[in-house]
C-alpha atoms as a PDB file:
ATOM      1  CA  MET A   1       9.344  -8.692  11.433  1.00  0.00           C
ATOM      2  CA  GLU A   2      10.939  -6.412   8.895  1.00  0.00           C
ATOM      3  CA  GLU A   3       8.992  -3.152   8.528  1.00  0.00           C
ATOM      4  CA  TYR A   4       7.880  -3.677   5.085  1.00  0.00           C
ATOM      5  CA  LYS A   5       6.217  -7.011   5.995  1.00  0.00           C
ATOM      6  CA  TYR A   6       3.599  -5.094   8.004  1.00  0.00           C
ATOM      7  CA  THR A   7       2.483  -3.363   4.851  1.00  0.00           C
ATOM      8  CA  GLN A   8       2.446  -6.507   2.780  1.00  0.00           C
ATOM      9  CA  LYS A   9       0.498  -8.295   5.587  1.00  0.00           C
ATOM     10  CA  ARG A  10      -2.114  -5.503   5.820  1.00  0.00           C
ATOM     11  CA  GLY A  11      -2.590  -5.344   2.029  1.00  0.00           C
ATOM     12  CA  THR A  12      -2.933  -9.173   1.926  1.00  0.00           C
ATOM     13  CA  GLU A  13      -5.445  -9.187   4.766  1.00  0.00           C
ATOM     14  CA  LEU A  14      -7.515  -6.738   2.894  1.00  0.00           C
ATOM     15  CA  GLY A  15      -7.431  -8.859  -0.322  1.00  0.00           C
ATOM     16  CA  LEU A  16      -5.731  -6.084  -2.209  1.00  0.00           C
ATOM     17  CA  LYS A  17      -3.552  -6.602  -5.324  1.00  0.00           C
ATOM     18  CA  GLY A  18      -0.584  -4.410  -6.361  1.00  0.00           C
ATOM     19  CA  TRP A  19       2.653  -3.297  -4.751  1.00  0.00           C
ATOM     20  CA  CYS A  20       4.478  -0.794  -2.452  1.00  0.00           C
ATOM     21  CA  MET A  21       8.111   0.199  -2.375  1.00  0.00           C
ATOM     22  CA  ASN A  22      10.283   2.403  -0.146  1.00  0.00           C
ATOM     23  CA  THR A  23      12.205   4.894  -2.158  1.00  0.00           C
ATOM     24  CA  ASP A  24      15.750   6.193  -1.593  1.00  0.00           C
ATOM     25  CA  ASN A  25      14.433   9.565  -0.475  1.00  0.00           C
ATOM     26  CA  GLY A  26      12.268   8.292   2.320  1.00  0.00           C
ATOM     27  CA  THR A  27       8.978   8.027   0.655  1.00  0.00           C
ATOM     28  CA  VAL A  28       6.705   5.165  -0.383  1.00  0.00           C
ATOM     29  CA  VAL A  29       5.270   4.600  -3.790  1.00  0.00           C
ATOM     30  CA  GLY A  30       2.950   1.857  -5.086  1.00  0.00           C
ATOM     31  CA  ARG A  31      -0.281   0.728  -6.677  1.00  0.00           C
ATOM     32  CA  LEU A  32      -3.398  -0.587  -4.809  1.00  0.00           C
ATOM     33  CA  GLU A  33      -6.097  -2.530  -6.575  1.00  0.00           C
ATOM     34  CA  GLY A  34      -9.216  -3.836  -4.995  1.00  0.00           C
ATOM     35  CA  SER A  35     -12.686  -2.797  -3.855  1.00  0.00           C
ATOM     36  CA  GLU A  36     -13.155   0.875  -3.194  1.00  0.00           C
ATOM     37  CA  SER A  37     -13.809   0.226   0.518  1.00  0.00           C
ATOM     38  CA  LYS A  38     -10.781  -2.028   0.904  1.00  0.00           C
ATOM     39  CA  VAL A  39      -8.559   0.509  -0.905  1.00  0.00           C
ATOM     40  CA  GLU A  40      -9.880   3.321   1.352  1.00  0.00           C
ATOM     41  CA  GLU A  41      -9.121   1.062   4.442  1.00  0.00           C
ATOM     42  CA  MET A  42      -5.595   0.571   3.280  1.00  0.00           C
ATOM     43  CA  LYS A  43      -5.060   4.258   2.422  1.00  0.00           C
ATOM     44  CA  ASN A  44      -6.219   5.100   6.068  1.00  0.00           C
ATOM     45  CA  TRP A  45      -3.827   2.501   7.488  1.00  0.00           C
ATOM     46  CA  LEU A  46      -1.004   4.020   5.379  1.00  0.00           C
ATOM     47  CA  ARG A  47      -2.033   7.549   6.408  1.00  0.00           C
ATOM     48  CA  TYR A  48      -2.476   7.078  10.033  1.00  0.00           C
ATOM     49  CA  THR A  49      -0.913   3.881  11.261  1.00  0.00           C
ATOM     50  CA  GLY A  50       1.663   2.227   8.986  1.00  0.00           C
ATOM     51  CA  SER A  51       4.503  -0.032  10.215  1.00  0.00           C
ATOM     52  CA  PRO A  52       5.408   0.343  13.853  1.00  0.00           C
ATOM     53  CA  GLN A  53       8.696   2.087  13.074  1.00  0.00           C
ATOM     54  CA  SER A  54       7.260   4.428  10.390  1.00  0.00           C
ATOM     55  CA  ALA A  55       7.163   8.086  10.762  1.00  0.00           C
ATOM     56  CA  ILE A  56       4.345   9.444   8.632  1.00  0.00           C
ATOM     57  CA  ASP A  57       4.638  13.158   7.766  1.00  0.00           C
ATOM     58  CA  LYS A  58       2.383  13.410   4.746  1.00  0.00           C
ATOM     59  CA  THR A  59       0.344  11.138   2.437  1.00  0.00           C
ATOM     60  CA  GLU A  60      -0.636  11.767  -1.224  1.00  0.00           C
ATOM     61  CA  PHE A  61      -2.677   9.517  -3.320  1.00  0.00           C
ATOM     62  CA  ARG A  62      -2.948  10.250  -6.983  1.00  0.00           C
ATOM     63  CA  ASN A  63      -4.270   8.868 -10.321  1.00  0.00           C
ATOM     64  CA  GLN A  64      -7.247   6.967  -8.778  1.00  0.00           C
ATOM     65  CA  GLN A  65      -9.295   5.175 -11.312  1.00  0.00           C
ATOM     66  CA  GLU A  66     -11.858   2.401 -11.715  1.00  0.00           C
ATOM     67  CA  ILE A  67     -10.679  -0.826 -13.340  1.00  0.00           C
ATOM     68  CA  SER A  68     -12.622  -3.838 -14.485  1.00  0.00           C
ATOM     69  CA  GLN A  69     -10.020  -6.543 -13.657  1.00  0.00           C
ATOM     70  CA  PRO A  70      -6.983  -6.444 -11.313  1.00  0.00           C
ATOM     71  CA  THR A  71      -3.691  -6.421 -13.226  1.00  0.00           C
ATOM     72  CA  PHE A  72      -1.700  -7.883 -10.318  1.00  0.00           C
ATOM     73  CA  ALA A  73      -1.935 -11.446  -8.874  1.00  0.00           C
ATOM     74  CA  SER A  74      -1.117 -10.502  -5.275  1.00  0.00           C
ATOM     75  CA  PHE A  75       0.039  -7.596  -3.036  1.00  0.00           C
ATOM     76  CA  GLU A  76       3.745  -7.478  -2.693  1.00  0.00           C
ATOM     77  CA  ILE A  77       6.652  -5.198  -1.597  1.00  0.00           C
ATOM     78  CA  LYS A  78       9.246  -4.337  -4.166  1.00  0.00           C
ATOM     79  CA  LYS A  79      12.802  -3.380  -3.252  1.00  0.00           C
ATOM     80  CA  SER A  80      14.315  -0.247  -4.664  1.00  0.00           C
END
């Protein structure tokens, strides 16, 4: 399984909407939409577990806000 598929699988399992993408400088960016508890669960997975081959040095989550309706239909991985 390619590494990014672990992240997509986890986001989908949690019922999240949005996206993640690896950047050219070795970081990951994205947007998560879902219930607060499921978003927190995904953030903890990204922070402490991640894909089997990932090396997590630091995590930073910004611009959190409550929304009334999701703006994405699914959770996917974008390619840079």
